Amino acid sequence: MSQAEIHQGPATAPLHRLAHSRAGDKGNRLNLSLFAYRPEAYSALVEQVTEARVQALLAHRGASRVRRYLMPNLAGMNFVIDDVLQGGVNGALNLDGHGKTLSFLLLGMSVTVDAGLLLGET
């Protein structure tokens, strides 16, 4: 994709139009991976999907610490989030003790990028 094809002006959209995510758990700790559909979108993800924004997004679930690990060669990142699973699968009383639906929550986060990087409709 050429730079001319990408540059269409700024647009705000949910993260799922730029990337996909998976979730995994270990005890009371959650891993959320995020991978750009297009490598050209990776720098915007690094800039906007920060530890602070992810912690704020998951504050209602009790997230105490968020660490982000960048994987630039894969156009991805991994977030390790502590204390977000309400005790983990064996201790949580909620319907999602593994935290699998939290990747969907992450993908609802709004980002502002060049419209040419977005996939699909809202």
PDB file of N, CA and C in Angstrom:
ATOM      1  N   MET A   1       0.842  -1.169   0.000  1.00  0.00           N
ATOM      2  CA  MET A   1       0.000   0.000   0.000  1.00  0.00           C
ATOM      3  C   MET A   1       0.892   1.239   0.000  1.00  0.00           C
ATOM      4  N   SER A   2       0.651   2.157  -0.919  1.00  0.00           N
ATOM      5  CA  SER A   2       1.471   3.363  -1.013  1.00  0.00           C
ATOM      6  C   SER A   2       1.013   4.398   0.006  1.00  0.00           C
ATOM      7  N   GLN A   3       1.886   5.363   0.294  1.00  0.00           N
ATOM      8  CA  GLN A   3       1.531   6.437   1.226  1.00  0.00           C
ATOM      9  C   GLN A   3       0.341   7.234   0.697  1.00  0.00           C
ATOM     10  N   ALA A   4       0.235   7.409  -0.613  1.00  0.00           N
ATOM     11  CA  ALA A   4      -0.888   8.142  -1.194  1.00  0.00           C
ATOM     12  C   ALA A   4      -2.205   7.423  -0.943  1.00  0.00           C
ATOM     13  N   GLU A   5      -2.191   6.101  -0.984  1.00  0.00           N
ATOM     14  CA  GLU A   5      -3.408   5.331  -0.723  1.00  0.00           C
ATOM     15  C   GLU A   5      -3.821   5.428   0.740  1.00  0.00           C
ATOM     16  N   ILE A   6      -2.851   5.550   1.633  1.00  0.00           N
ATOM     17  CA  ILE A   6      -3.154   5.604   3.058  1.00  0.00           C
ATOM     18  C   ILE A   6      -3.700   6.965   3.450  1.00  0.00           C
ATOM     19  N   HIS A   7      -3.083   8.050   3.005  1.00  0.00           N
ATOM     20  CA  HIS A   7      -3.427   9.379   3.500  1.00  0.00           C
ATOM     21  C   HIS A   7      -4.789   9.834   2.986  1.00  0.00           C
ATOM     22  N   GLN A   8      -5.781   9.834   3.872  1.00  0.00           N
ATOM     23  CA  GLN A   8      -7.128  10.287   3.536  1.00  0.00           C
ATOM     24  C   GLN A   8      -7.666  11.263   4.567  1.00  0.00           C
ATOM     25  N   GLY A   9      -6.860  11.662   5.534  1.00  0.00           N
ATOM     26  CA  GLY A   9      -7.309  12.569   6.585  1.00  0.00           C
ATOM     27  C   GLY A   9      -7.657  11.807   7.845  1.00  0.00           C
ATOM     28  N   PRO A  10      -7.704  12.512   8.978  1.00  0.00           N
ATOM     29  CA  PRO A  10      -7.931  11.852  10.268  1.00  0.00           C
ATOM     30  C   PRO A  10      -9.363  11.342  10.434  1.00  0.00           C
ATOM     31  N   ALA A  11      -9.474  10.237  11.153  1.00  0.00           N
ATOM     32  CA  ALA A  11     -10.776   9.654  11.487  1.00  0.00           C
ATOM     33  C   ALA A  11     -10.668   8.991  12.855  1.00  0.00           C
ATOM     34  N   THR A  12     -11.732   9.090  13.636  1.00  0.00           N
ATOM     35  CA  THR A  12     -11.796   8.410  14.927  1.00  0.00           C
ATOM     36  C   THR A  12     -12.680   7.185  14.763  1.00  0.00           C
ATOM     37  N   ALA A  13     -12.167   6.050  15.211  1.00  0.00           N
ATOM     38  CA  ALA A  13     -12.882   4.785  15.015  1.00  0.00           C
ATOM     39  C   ALA A  13     -12.515   3.819  16.133  1.00  0.00           C
ATOM     40  N   PRO A  14     -13.334   2.771  16.322  1.00  0.00           N
ATOM     41  CA  PRO A  14     -12.967   1.748  17.303  1.00  0.00           C
ATOM     42  C   PRO A  14     -11.732   0.976  16.842  1.00  0.00           C
ATOM     43  N   LEU A  15     -10.979   0.531  17.796  1.00  0.00           N
ATOM     44  CA  LEU A  15      -9.724  -0.171  17.554  1.00  0.00           C
ATOM     45  C   LEU A  15      -9.897  -1.406  16.667  1.00  0.00           C
ATOM     46  N   HIS A  16     -11.063  -2.040  16.710  1.00  0.00           N
ATOM     47  CA  HIS A  16     -11.257  -3.258  15.905  1.00  0.00           C
ATOM     48  C   HIS A  16     -11.171  -2.992  14.412  1.00  0.00           C
ATOM     49  N   ARG A  17     -11.207  -1.739  13.999  1.00  0.00           N
ATOM     50  CA  ARG A  17     -11.053  -1.421  12.579  1.00  0.00           C
ATOM     51  C   ARG A  17      -9.593  -1.342  12.161  1.00  0.00           C
ATOM     52  N   LEU A  18      -8.679  -1.453  13.148  1.00  0.00           N
ATOM     53  CA  LEU A  18      -7.238  -1.394  12.884  1.00  0.00           C
ATOM     54  C   LEU A  18      -6.502  -2.655  13.284  1.00  0.00           C
ATOM     55  N   ALA A  19      -7.084  -3.425  14.221  1.00  0.00           N
ATOM     56  CA  ALA A  19      -6.313  -4.508  14.841  1.00  0.00           C
ATOM     57  C   ALA A  19      -7.228  -5.612  15.347  1.00  0.00           C
ATOM     58  N   HIS A  20      -6.617  -6.743  15.662  1.00  0.00           N
ATOM     59  CA  HIS A  20      -7.332  -7.836  16.325  1.00  0.00           C
ATOM     60  C   HIS A  20      -6.635  -8.133  17.642  1.00  0.00           C
ATOM     61  N   SER A  21      -7.341  -8.823  18.528  1.00  0.00           N
ATOM     62  CA  SER A  21      -6.827  -9.065  19.877  1.00  0.00           C
ATOM     63  C   SER A  21      -7.198 -10.464  20.341  1.00  0.00           C
ATOM     64  N   ARG A  22      -6.375 -10.989  21.231  1.00  0.00           N
ATOM     65  CA  ARG A  22      -6.645 -12.270  21.903  1.00  0.00           C
ATOM     66  C   ARG A  22      -6.352 -12.091  23.379  1.00  0.00           C
ATOM     67  N   ALA A  23      -6.997 -12.897  24.196  1.00  0.00           N
ATOM     68  CA  ALA A  23      -6.801 -12.821  25.646  1.00  0.00           C
ATOM     69  C   ALA A  23      -6.421 -14.188  26.194  1.00  0.00           C
ATOM     70  N   GLY A  24      -5.619 -14.176  27.233  1.00  0.00           N
ATOM     71  CA  GLY A  24      -5.241 -15.395  27.939  1.00  0.00           C
ATOM     72  C   GLY A  24      -5.050 -15.071  29.409  1.00  0.00           C
ATOM     73  N   ASP A  25      -5.185 -16.074  30.261  1.00  0.00           N
ATOM     74  CA  ASP A  25      -5.093 -15.813  31.693  1.00  0.00           C
ATOM     75  C   ASP A  25      -4.102 -16.744  32.369  1.00  0.00           C
ATOM     76  N   LYS A  26      -3.608 -16.288  33.491  1.00  0.00           N
ATOM     77  CA  LYS A  26      -2.779 -17.101  34.385  1.00  0.00           C
ATOM     78  C   LYS A  26      -3.063 -16.587  35.786  1.00  0.00           C
ATOM     79  N   GLY A  27      -3.881 -17.318  36.513  1.00  0.00           N
ATOM     80  CA  GLY A  27      -4.275 -16.857  37.842  1.00  0.00           C
ATOM     81  C   GLY A  27      -5.085 -15.578  37.734  1.00  0.00           C
ATOM     82  N   ASN A  28      -4.666 -14.553  38.458  1.00  0.00           N
ATOM     83  CA  ASN A  28      -5.367 -13.273  38.458  1.00  0.00           C
ATOM     84  C   ASN A  28      -4.727 -12.283  37.478  1.00  0.00           C
ATOM     85  N   ARG A  29      -3.956 -12.785  36.552  1.00  0.00           N
ATOM     86  CA  ARG A  29      -3.238 -11.951  35.578  1.00  0.00           C
ATOM     87  C   ARG A  29      -3.782 -12.252  34.182  1.00  0.00           C
ATOM     88  N   LEU A  30      -3.955 -11.194  33.410  1.00  0.00           N
ATOM     89  CA  LEU A  30      -4.490 -11.313  32.055  1.00  0.00           C
ATOM     90  C   LEU A  30      -3.449 -10.852  31.044  1.00  0.00           C
ATOM     91  N   ASN A  31      -3.339 -11.568  29.943  1.00  0.00           N
ATOM     92  CA  ASN A  31      -2.543 -11.147  28.789  1.00  0.00           C
ATOM     93  C   ASN A  31      -3.511 -10.754  27.685  1.00  0.00           C
ATOM     94  N   LEU A  32      -3.338  -9.560  27.165  1.00  0.00           N
ATOM     95  CA  LEU A  32      -4.103  -9.118  26.002  1.00  0.00           C
ATOM     96  C   LEU A  32      -3.112  -8.807  24.891  1.00  0.00           C
ATOM     97  N   SER A  33      -3.216  -9.524  23.798  1.00  0.00           N
ATOM     98  CA  SER A  33      -2.366  -9.221  22.650  1.00  0.00           C
ATOM     99  C   SER A  33      -3.155  -8.364  21.671  1.00  0.00           C
ATOM    100  N   LEU A  34      -2.437  -7.540  20.945  1.00  0.00           N
ATOM    101  CA  LEU A  34      -3.049  -6.649  19.966  1.00  0.00           C
ATOM    102  C   LEU A  34      -2.136  -6.612  18.743  1.00  0.00           C
ATOM    103  N   PHE A  35      -2.694  -6.939  17.576  1.00  0.00           N
ATOM    104  CA  PHE A  35      -1.910  -6.972  16.343  1.00  0.00           C
ATOM    105  C   PHE A  35      -2.603  -6.150  15.266  1.00  0.00           C
ATOM    106  N   ALA A  36      -1.852  -5.251  14.649  1.00  0.00           N
ATOM    107  CA  ALA A  36      -2.383  -4.424  13.568  1.00  0.00           C
ATOM    108  C   ALA A  36      -2.687  -5.292  12.354  1.00  0.00           C
ATOM    109  N   TYR A  37      -3.806  -5.008  11.690  1.00  0.00           N
ATOM    110  CA  TYR A  37      -4.099  -5.696  10.430  1.00  0.00           C
ATOM    111  C   TYR A  37      -3.074  -5.311   9.367  1.00  0.00           C
ATOM    112  N   ARG A  38      -2.680  -4.045   9.374  1.00  0.00           N
ATOM    113  CA  ARG A  38      -1.716  -3.526   8.404  1.00  0.00           C
ATOM    114  C   ARG A  38      -0.502  -2.991   9.155  1.00  0.00           C
ATOM    115  N   PRO A  39       0.692  -3.327   8.740  1.00  0.00           N
ATOM    116  CA  PRO A  39       1.890  -2.817   9.429  1.00  0.00           C
ATOM    117  C   PRO A  39       1.939  -1.292   9.499  1.00  0.00           C
ATOM    118  N   GLU A  40       1.345  -0.614   8.514  1.00  0.00           N
ATOM    119  CA  GLU A  40       1.350   0.852   8.494  1.00  0.00           C
ATOM    120  C   GLU A  40       0.607   1.453   9.683  1.00  0.00           C
ATOM    121  N   ALA A  41      -0.274   0.696  10.310  1.00  0.00           N
ATOM    122  CA  ALA A  41      -1.059   1.193  11.445  1.00  0.00           C
ATOM    123  C   ALA A  41      -0.339   1.033  12.778  1.00  0.00           C
ATOM    124  N   TYR A  42       0.746   0.283  12.795  1.00  0.00           N
ATOM    125  CA  TYR A  42       1.414  -0.053  14.061  1.00  0.00           C
ATOM    126  C   TYR A  42       1.861   1.171  14.852  1.00  0.00           C
ATOM    127  N   SER A  43       2.458   2.155  14.210  1.00  0.00           N
ATOM    128  CA  SER A  43       2.945   3.323  14.959  1.00  0.00           C
ATOM    129  C   SER A  43       1.801   4.075  15.627  1.00  0.00           C
ATOM    130  N   ALA A  44       0.646   4.130  14.991  1.00  0.00           N
ATOM    131  CA  ALA A  44      -0.519   4.775  15.611  1.00  0.00           C
ATOM    132  C   ALA A  44      -0.983   3.988  16.833  1.00  0.00           C
ATOM    133  N   LEU A  45      -0.925   2.667  16.753  1.00  0.00           N
ATOM    134  CA  LEU A  45      -1.296   1.843  17.905  1.00  0.00           C
ATOM    135  C   LEU A  45      -0.328   2.065  19.060  1.00  0.00           C
ATOM    136  N   VAL A  46       0.960   2.096  18.767  1.00  0.00           N
ATOM    137  CA  VAL A  46       1.962   2.318  19.816  1.00  0.00           C
ATOM    138  C   VAL A  46       1.728   3.662  20.494  1.00  0.00           C
ATOM    139  N   GLU A  47       1.414   4.669  19.699  1.00  0.00           N
ATOM    140  CA  GLU A  47       1.213   6.013  20.230  1.00  0.00           C
ATOM    141  C   GLU A  47      -0.054   6.120  21.081  1.00  0.00           C
ATOM    142  N   GLN A  48      -1.123   5.441  20.674  1.00  0.00           N
ATOM    143  CA  GLN A  48      -2.421   5.676  21.308  1.00  0.00           C
ATOM    144  C   GLN A  48      -2.895   4.589  22.264  1.00  0.00           C
ATOM    145  N   VAL A  49      -2.464   3.360  22.088  1.00  0.00           N
ATOM    146  CA  VAL A  49      -2.912   2.280  22.975  1.00  0.00           C
ATOM    147  C   VAL A  49      -1.802   2.076  24.010  1.00  0.00           C
ATOM    148  N   THR A  50      -1.836   2.918  25.015  1.00  0.00           N
ATOM    149  CA  THR A  50      -0.775   2.977  26.022  1.00  0.00           C
ATOM    150  C   THR A  50      -1.156   2.196  27.275  1.00  0.00           C
ATOM    151  N   GLU A  51      -0.177   1.972  28.132  1.00  0.00           N
ATOM    152  CA  GLU A  51      -0.440   1.336  29.425  1.00  0.00           C
ATOM    153  C   GLU A  51      -1.482   2.130  30.204  1.00  0.00           C
ATOM    154  N   ALA A  52      -1.356   3.455  30.206  1.00  0.00           N
ATOM    155  CA  ALA A  52      -2.287   4.300  30.963  1.00  0.00           C
ATOM    156  C   ALA A  52      -3.715   4.179  30.435  1.00  0.00           C
ATOM    157  N   ARG A  53      -3.882   4.155  29.122  1.00  0.00           N
ATOM    158  CA  ARG A  53      -5.236   4.036  28.559  1.00  0.00           C
ATOM    159  C   ARG A  53      -5.842   2.669  28.839  1.00  0.00           C
ATOM    160  N   VAL A  54      -5.036   1.624  28.758  1.00  0.00           N
ATOM    161  CA  VAL A  54      -5.550   0.281  29.044  1.00  0.00           C
ATOM    162  C   VAL A  54      -5.901   0.164  30.525  1.00  0.00           C
ATOM    163  N   GLN A  55      -5.077   0.720  31.405  1.00  0.00           N
ATOM    164  CA  GLN A  55      -5.391   0.673  32.835  1.00  0.00           C
ATOM    165  C   GLN A  55      -6.688   1.429  33.121  1.00  0.00           C
ATOM    166  N   ALA A  56      -6.870   2.592  32.512  1.00  0.00           N
ATOM    167  CA  ALA A  56      -8.110   3.351  32.702  1.00  0.00           C
ATOM    168  C   ALA A  56      -9.313   2.567  32.177  1.00  0.00           C
ATOM    169  N   LEU A  57      -9.150   1.897  31.050  1.00  0.00           N
ATOM    170  CA  LEU A  57     -10.226   1.100  30.461  1.00  0.00           C
ATOM    171  C   LEU A  57     -10.666  -0.030  31.390  1.00  0.00           C
ATOM    172  N   LEU A  58      -9.705  -0.618  32.112  1.00  0.00           N
ATOM    173  CA  LEU A  58      -9.992  -1.780  32.962  1.00  0.00           C
ATOM    174  C   LEU A  58     -10.043  -1.446  34.453  1.00  0.00           C
ATOM    175  N   ALA A  59     -10.055  -0.170  34.790  1.00  0.00           N
ATOM    176  CA  ALA A  59     -10.070   0.235  36.203  1.00  0.00           C
ATOM    177  C   ALA A  59     -11.288  -0.321  36.938  1.00  0.00           C
ATOM    178  N   HIS A  60     -12.423  -0.381  36.268  1.00  0.00           N
ATOM    179  CA  HIS A  60     -13.640  -0.891  36.912  1.00  0.00           C
ATOM    180  C   HIS A  60     -13.526  -2.367  37.285  1.00  0.00           C
ATOM    181  N   ARG A  61     -12.561  -3.065  36.692  1.00  0.00           N
ATOM    182  CA  ARG A  61     -12.329  -4.477  37.013  1.00  0.00           C
ATOM    183  C   ARG A  61     -11.230  -4.661  38.055  1.00  0.00           C
ATOM    184  N   GLY A  62     -10.654  -3.562  38.557  1.00  0.00           N
ATOM    185  CA  GLY A  62      -9.643  -3.635  39.608  1.00  0.00           C
ATOM    186  C   GLY A  62      -8.218  -3.788  39.121  1.00  0.00           C
ATOM    187  N   ALA A  63      -7.952  -3.508  37.856  1.00  0.00           N
ATOM    188  CA  ALA A  63      -6.588  -3.629  37.320  1.00  0.00           C
ATOM    189  C   ALA A  63      -5.631  -2.778  38.148  1.00  0.00           C
ATOM    190  N   SER A  64      -4.601  -3.408  38.705  1.00  0.00           N
ATOM    191  CA  SER A  64      -3.664  -2.679  39.558  1.00  0.00           C
ATOM    192  C   SER A  64      -2.382  -2.282  38.833  1.00  0.00           C
ATOM    193  N   ARG A  65      -2.032  -2.988  37.775  1.00  0.00           N
ATOM    194  CA  ARG A  65      -0.793  -2.705  37.050  1.00  0.00           C
ATOM    195  C   ARG A  65      -0.926  -3.205  35.620  1.00  0.00           C
ATOM    196  N   VAL A  66      -0.444  -2.403  34.683  1.00  0.00           N
ATOM    197  CA  VAL A  66      -0.450  -2.770  33.268  1.00  0.00           C
ATOM    198  C   VAL A  66       0.959  -2.573  32.725  1.00  0.00           C
ATOM    199  N   ARG A  67       1.473  -3.609  32.075  1.00  0.00           N
ATOM    200  CA  ARG A  67       2.769  -3.522  31.396  1.00  0.00           C
ATOM    201  C   ARG A  67       2.555  -3.840  29.923  1.00  0.00           C
ATOM    202  N   ARG A  68       3.204  -3.071  29.075  1.00  0.00           N
ATOM    203  CA  ARG A  68       3.076  -3.262  27.632  1.00  0.00           C
ATOM    204  C   ARG A  68       4.419  -3.701  27.064  1.00  0.00           C
ATOM    205  N   TYR A  69       4.378  -4.742  26.247  1.00  0.00           N
ATOM    206  CA  TYR A  69       5.569  -5.261  25.576  1.00  0.00           C
ATOM    207  C   TYR A  69       5.355  -5.121  24.070  1.00  0.00           C
ATOM    208  N   LEU A  70       6.231  -4.369  23.429  1.00  0.00           N
ATOM    209  CA  LEU A  70       6.098  -4.112  21.995  1.00  0.00           C
ATOM    210  C   LEU A  70       6.772  -5.207  21.178  1.00  0.00           C
ATOM    211  N   MET A  71       6.144  -5.556  20.060  1.00  0.00           N
ATOM    212  CA  MET A  71       6.675  -6.540  19.113  1.00  0.00           C
ATOM    213  C   MET A  71       6.644  -5.924  17.717  1.00  0.00           C
ATOM    214  N   PRO A  72       7.549  -4.975  17.446  1.00  0.00           N
ATOM    215  CA  PRO A  72       7.478  -4.232  16.184  1.00  0.00           C
ATOM    216  C   PRO A  72       7.615  -5.096  14.936  1.00  0.00           C
ATOM    217  N   ASN A  73       8.375  -6.164  14.994  1.00  0.00           N
ATOM    218  CA  ASN A  73       8.530  -7.022  13.806  1.00  0.00           C
ATOM    219  C   ASN A  73       7.241  -7.751  13.449  1.00  0.00           C
ATOM    220  N   LEU A  74       6.324  -7.834  14.411  1.00  0.00           N
ATOM    221  CA  LEU A  74       5.030  -8.482  14.182  1.00  0.00           C
ATOM    222  C   LEU A  74       3.888  -7.474  14.121  1.00  0.00           C
ATOM    223  N   ALA A  75       4.206  -6.191  14.233  1.00  0.00           N
ATOM    224  CA  ALA A  75       3.203  -5.118  14.295  1.00  0.00           C
ATOM    225  C   ALA A  75       2.207  -5.389  15.416  1.00  0.00           C
ATOM    226  N   GLY A  76       2.743  -5.814  16.568  1.00  0.00           N
ATOM    227  CA  GLY A  76       1.879  -6.148  17.687  1.00  0.00           C
ATOM    228  C   GLY A  76       2.423  -5.706  19.021  1.00  0.00           C
ATOM    229  N   MET A  77       1.616  -5.925  20.028  1.00  0.00           N
ATOM    230  CA  MET A  77       1.998  -5.645  21.407  1.00  0.00           C
ATOM    231  C   MET A  77       1.238  -6.588  22.325  1.00  0.00           C
ATOM    232  N   ASN A  78       1.784  -6.780  23.509  1.00  0.00           N
ATOM    233  CA  ASN A  78       1.149  -7.629  24.509  1.00  0.00           C
ATOM    234  C   ASN A  78       1.050  -6.840  25.805  1.00  0.00           C
ATOM    235  N   PHE A  79      -0.125  -6.847  26.398  1.00  0.00           N
ATOM    236  CA  PHE A  79      -0.348  -6.208  27.684  1.00  0.00           C
ATOM    237  C   PHE A  79      -0.475  -7.286  28.745  1.00  0.00           C
ATOM    238  N   VAL A  80       0.233  -7.114  29.849  1.00  0.00           N
ATOM    239  CA  VAL A  80       0.107  -7.986  31.012  1.00  0.00           C
ATOM    240  C   VAL A  80      -0.563  -7.145  32.086  1.00  0.00           C
ATOM    241  N   ILE A  81      -1.734  -7.592  32.537  1.00  0.00           N
ATOM    242  CA  ILE A  81      -2.568  -6.800  33.435  1.00  0.00           C
ATOM    243  C   ILE A  81      -2.807  -7.583  34.718  1.00  0.00           C
ATOM    244  N   ASP A  82      -2.394  -7.005  35.837  1.00  0.00           N
ATOM    245  CA  ASP A  82      -2.519  -7.657  37.138  1.00  0.00           C
ATOM    246  C   ASP A  82      -3.848  -7.328  37.807  1.00  0.00           C
ATOM    247  N   ASP A  83      -4.384  -8.312  38.527  1.00  0.00           N
ATOM    248  CA  ASP A  83      -5.554  -8.163  39.405  1.00  0.00           C
ATOM    249  C   ASP A  83      -6.831  -7.768  38.675  1.00  0.00           C
ATOM    250  N   VAL A  84      -6.958  -8.135  37.432  1.00  0.00           N
ATOM    251  CA  VAL A  84      -8.128  -7.757  36.651  1.00  0.00           C
ATOM    252  C   VAL A  84      -9.170  -8.878  36.580  1.00  0.00           C
ATOM    253  N   LEU A  85      -8.799 -10.088  37.015  1.00  0.00           N
ATOM    254  CA  LEU A  85      -9.694 -11.238  36.846  1.00  0.00           C
ATOM    255  C   LEU A  85     -10.445 -11.621  38.119  1.00  0.00           C
ATOM    256  N   GLN A  86     -10.466 -10.732  39.079  1.00  0.00           N
ATOM    257  CA  GLN A  86     -11.230 -10.942  40.312  1.00  0.00           C
ATOM    258  C   GLN A  86     -10.904 -12.283  40.957  1.00  0.00           C
ATOM    259  N   GLY A  87      -9.616 -12.595  40.999  1.00  0.00           N
ATOM    260  CA  GLY A  87      -9.165 -13.823  41.639  1.00  0.00           C
ATOM    261  C   GLY A  87      -8.809 -14.942  40.678  1.00  0.00           C
ATOM    262  N   GLY A  88      -9.161 -14.817  39.435  1.00  0.00           N
ATOM    263  CA  GLY A  88      -8.874 -15.864  38.459  1.00  0.00           C
ATOM    264  C   GLY A  88     -10.023 -16.832  38.318  1.00  0.00           C
ATOM    265  N   VAL A  89      -9.880 -17.773  37.417  1.00  0.00           N
ATOM    266  CA  VAL A  89     -10.985 -18.654  37.047  1.00  0.00           C
ATOM    267  C   VAL A  89     -11.532 -19.448  38.231  1.00  0.00           C
ATOM    268  N   ASN A  90     -10.690 -19.851  39.154  1.00  0.00           N
ATOM    269  CA  ASN A  90     -11.164 -20.640  40.291  1.00  0.00           C
ATOM    270  C   ASN A  90     -11.757 -19.798  41.406  1.00  0.00           C
ATOM    271  N   GLY A  91     -11.463 -18.506  41.434  1.00  0.00           N
ATOM    272  CA  GLY A  91     -11.952 -17.663  42.513  1.00  0.00           C
ATOM    273  C   GLY A  91     -13.008 -16.659  42.112  1.00  0.00           C
ATOM    274  N   ALA A  92     -13.143 -16.391  40.831  1.00  0.00           N
ATOM    275  CA  ALA A  92     -14.064 -15.354  40.371  1.00  0.00           C
ATOM    276  C   ALA A  92     -15.497 -15.870  40.340  1.00  0.00           C
ATOM    277  N   LEU A  93     -16.405 -14.984  40.677  1.00  0.00           N
ATOM    278  CA  LEU A  93     -17.825 -15.324  40.626  1.00  0.00           C
ATOM    279  C   LEU A  93     -18.496 -14.779  39.366  1.00  0.00           C
ATOM    280  N   ASN A  94     -17.734 -14.121  38.513  1.00  0.00           N
ATOM    281  CA  ASN A  94     -18.328 -13.575  37.293  1.00  0.00           C
ATOM    282  C   ASN A  94     -18.402 -14.651  36.205  1.00  0.00           C
ATOM    283  N   LEU A  95     -19.050 -14.322  35.122  1.00  0.00           N
ATOM    284  CA  LEU A  95     -19.250 -15.290  34.039  1.00  0.00           C
ATOM    285  C   LEU A  95     -18.033 -15.462  33.141  1.00  0.00           C
ATOM    286  N   ASP A  96     -17.040 -14.594  33.293  1.00  0.00           N
ATOM    287  CA  ASP A  96     -15.861 -14.646  32.426  1.00  0.00           C
ATOM    288  C   ASP A  96     -14.597 -14.669  33.278  1.00  0.00           C
ATOM    289  N   GLY A  97     -14.412 -15.728  34.024  1.00  0.00           N
ATOM    290  CA  GLY A  97     -13.252 -15.858  34.897  1.00  0.00           C
ATOM    291  C   GLY A  97     -11.933 -15.890  34.155  1.00  0.00           C
ATOM    292  N   HIS A  98     -11.943 -16.284  32.886  1.00  0.00           N
ATOM    293  CA  HIS A  98     -10.720 -16.310  32.073  1.00  0.00           C
ATOM    294  C   HIS A  98     -10.401 -14.947  31.454  1.00  0.00           C
ATOM    295  N   GLY A  99     -11.367 -14.034  31.449  1.00  0.00           N
ATOM    296  CA  GLY A  99     -11.140 -12.706  30.884  1.00  0.00           C
ATOM    297  C   GLY A  99     -11.157 -12.640  29.373  1.00  0.00           C
ATOM    298  N   LYS A 100     -11.721 -13.637  28.724  1.00  0.00           N
ATOM    299  CA  LYS A 100     -11.711 -13.675  27.254  1.00  0.00           C
ATOM    300  C   LYS A 100     -12.456 -12.494  26.627  1.00  0.00           C
ATOM    301  N   THR A 101     -13.524 -12.035  27.259  1.00  0.00           N
ATOM    302  CA  THR A 101     -14.295 -10.934  26.690  1.00  0.00           C
ATOM    303  C   THR A 101     -13.585  -9.589  26.815  1.00  0.00           C
ATOM    304  N   LEU A 102     -12.525  -9.528  27.609  1.00  0.00           N
ATOM    305  CA  LEU A 102     -11.828  -8.254  27.776  1.00  0.00           C
ATOM    306  C   LEU A 102     -11.072  -7.846  26.510  1.00  0.00           C
ATOM    307  N   SER A 103     -10.772  -8.788  25.635  1.00  0.00           N
ATOM    308  CA  SER A 103     -10.182  -8.406  24.344  1.00  0.00           C
ATOM    309  C   SER A 103     -11.211  -7.634  23.520  1.00  0.00           C
ATOM    310  N   PHE A 104     -12.474  -8.013  23.626  1.00  0.00           N
ATOM    311  CA  PHE A 104     -13.540  -7.291  22.937  1.00  0.00           C
ATOM    312  C   PHE A 104     -13.661  -5.874  23.492  1.00  0.00           C
ATOM    313  N   LEU A 105     -13.540  -5.740  24.810  1.00  0.00           N
ATOM    314  CA  LEU A 105     -13.585  -4.418  25.432  1.00  0.00           C
ATOM    315  C   LEU A 105     -12.441  -3.549  24.908  1.00  0.00           C
ATOM    316  N   LEU A 106     -11.240  -4.105  24.827  1.00  0.00           N
ATOM    317  CA  LEU A 106     -10.092  -3.366  24.297  1.00  0.00           C
ATOM    318  C   LEU A 106     -10.357  -2.912  22.863  1.00  0.00           C
ATOM    319  N   LEU A 107     -10.930  -3.777  22.055  1.00  0.00           N
ATOM    320  CA  LEU A 107     -11.170  -3.447  20.648  1.00  0.00           C
ATOM    321  C   LEU A 107     -12.240  -2.380  20.455  1.00  0.00           C
ATOM    322  N   GLY A 108     -12.967  -2.046  21.502  1.00  0.00           N
ATOM    323  CA  GLY A 108     -13.935  -0.957  21.445  1.00  0.00           C
ATOM    324  C   GLY A 108     -13.330   0.403  21.738  1.00  0.00           C
ATOM    325  N   MET A 109     -12.069   0.427  22.167  1.00  0.00           N
ATOM    326  CA  MET A 109     -11.382   1.687  22.474  1.00  0.00           C
ATOM    327  C   MET A 109     -11.274   2.534  21.207  1.00  0.00           C
ATOM    328  N   SER A 110     -11.524   3.828  21.331  1.00  0.00           N
ATOM    329  CA  SER A 110     -11.424   4.734  20.186  1.00  0.00           C
ATOM    330  C   SER A 110      -9.990   5.180  19.958  1.00  0.00           C
ATOM    331  N   VAL A 111      -9.623   5.250  18.689  1.00  0.00           N
ATOM    332  CA  VAL A 111      -8.325   5.778  18.277  1.00  0.00           C
ATOM    333  C   VAL A 111      -8.561   6.726  17.100  1.00  0.00           C
ATOM    334  N   THR A 112      -7.649   7.665  16.929  1.00  0.00           N
ATOM    335  CA  THR A 112      -7.722   8.597  15.807  1.00  0.00           C
ATOM    336  C   THR A 112      -6.526   8.345  14.905  1.00  0.00           C
ATOM    337  N   VAL A 113      -6.826   7.974  13.671  1.00  0.00           N
ATOM    338  CA  VAL A 113      -5.785   7.619  12.699  1.00  0.00           C
ATOM    339  C   VAL A 113      -6.182   8.148  11.329  1.00  0.00           C
ATOM    340  N   ASP A 114      -5.296   7.995  10.381  1.00  0.00           N
ATOM    341  CA  ASP A 114      -5.646   8.331   9.014  1.00  0.00           C
ATOM    342  C   ASP A 114      -6.718   7.354   8.529  1.00  0.00           C
ATOM    343  N   ALA A 115      -7.755   7.874   7.919  1.00  0.00           N
ATOM    344  CA  ALA A 115      -8.886   7.050   7.475  1.00  0.00           C
ATOM    345  C   ALA A 115      -8.466   5.935   6.526  1.00  0.00           C
ATOM    346  N   GLY A 116      -7.384   6.109   5.804  1.00  0.00           N
ATOM    347  CA  GLY A 116      -6.917   5.090   4.872  1.00  0.00           C
ATOM    348  C   GLY A 116      -6.427   3.820   5.541  1.00  0.00           C
ATOM    349  N   LEU A 117      -6.183   3.880   6.860  1.00  0.00           N
ATOM    350  CA  LEU A 117      -5.722   2.692   7.589  1.00  0.00           C
ATOM    351  C   LEU A 117      -6.860   1.821   8.098  1.00  0.00           C
ATOM    352  N   LEU A 118      -8.079   2.334   8.070  1.00  0.00           N
ATOM    353  CA  LEU A 118      -9.215   1.625   8.659  1.00  0.00           C
ATOM    354  C   LEU A 118      -9.752   0.543   7.735  1.00  0.00           C
ATOM    355  N   LEU A 119     -10.164  -0.564   8.330  1.00  0.00           N
ATOM    356  CA  LEU A 119     -10.795  -1.646   7.582  1.00  0.00           C
ATOM    357  C   LEU A 119     -12.284  -1.644   7.860  1.00  0.00           C
ATOM    358  N   GLY A 120     -13.083  -1.943   6.871  1.00  0.00           N
ATOM    359  CA  GLY A 120     -14.512  -2.152   7.054  1.00  0.00           C
ATOM    360  C   GLY A 120     -15.265  -0.919   7.512  1.00  0.00           C
ATOM    361  N   GLU A 121     -16.519  -1.148   7.825  1.00  0.00           N
ATOM    362  CA  GLU A 121     -17.410  -0.092   8.306  1.00  0.00           C
ATOM    363  C   GLU A 121     -17.549  -0.188   9.811  1.00  0.00           C
ATOM    364  N   THR A 122     -18.135   0.833  10.416  1.00  0.00           N
ATOM    365  CA  THR A 122     -18.318   0.866  11.872  1.00  0.00           C
ATOM    366  C   THR A 122     -19.292  -0.156  12.357  1.00  0.00           C
TER     367      THR A 122
END
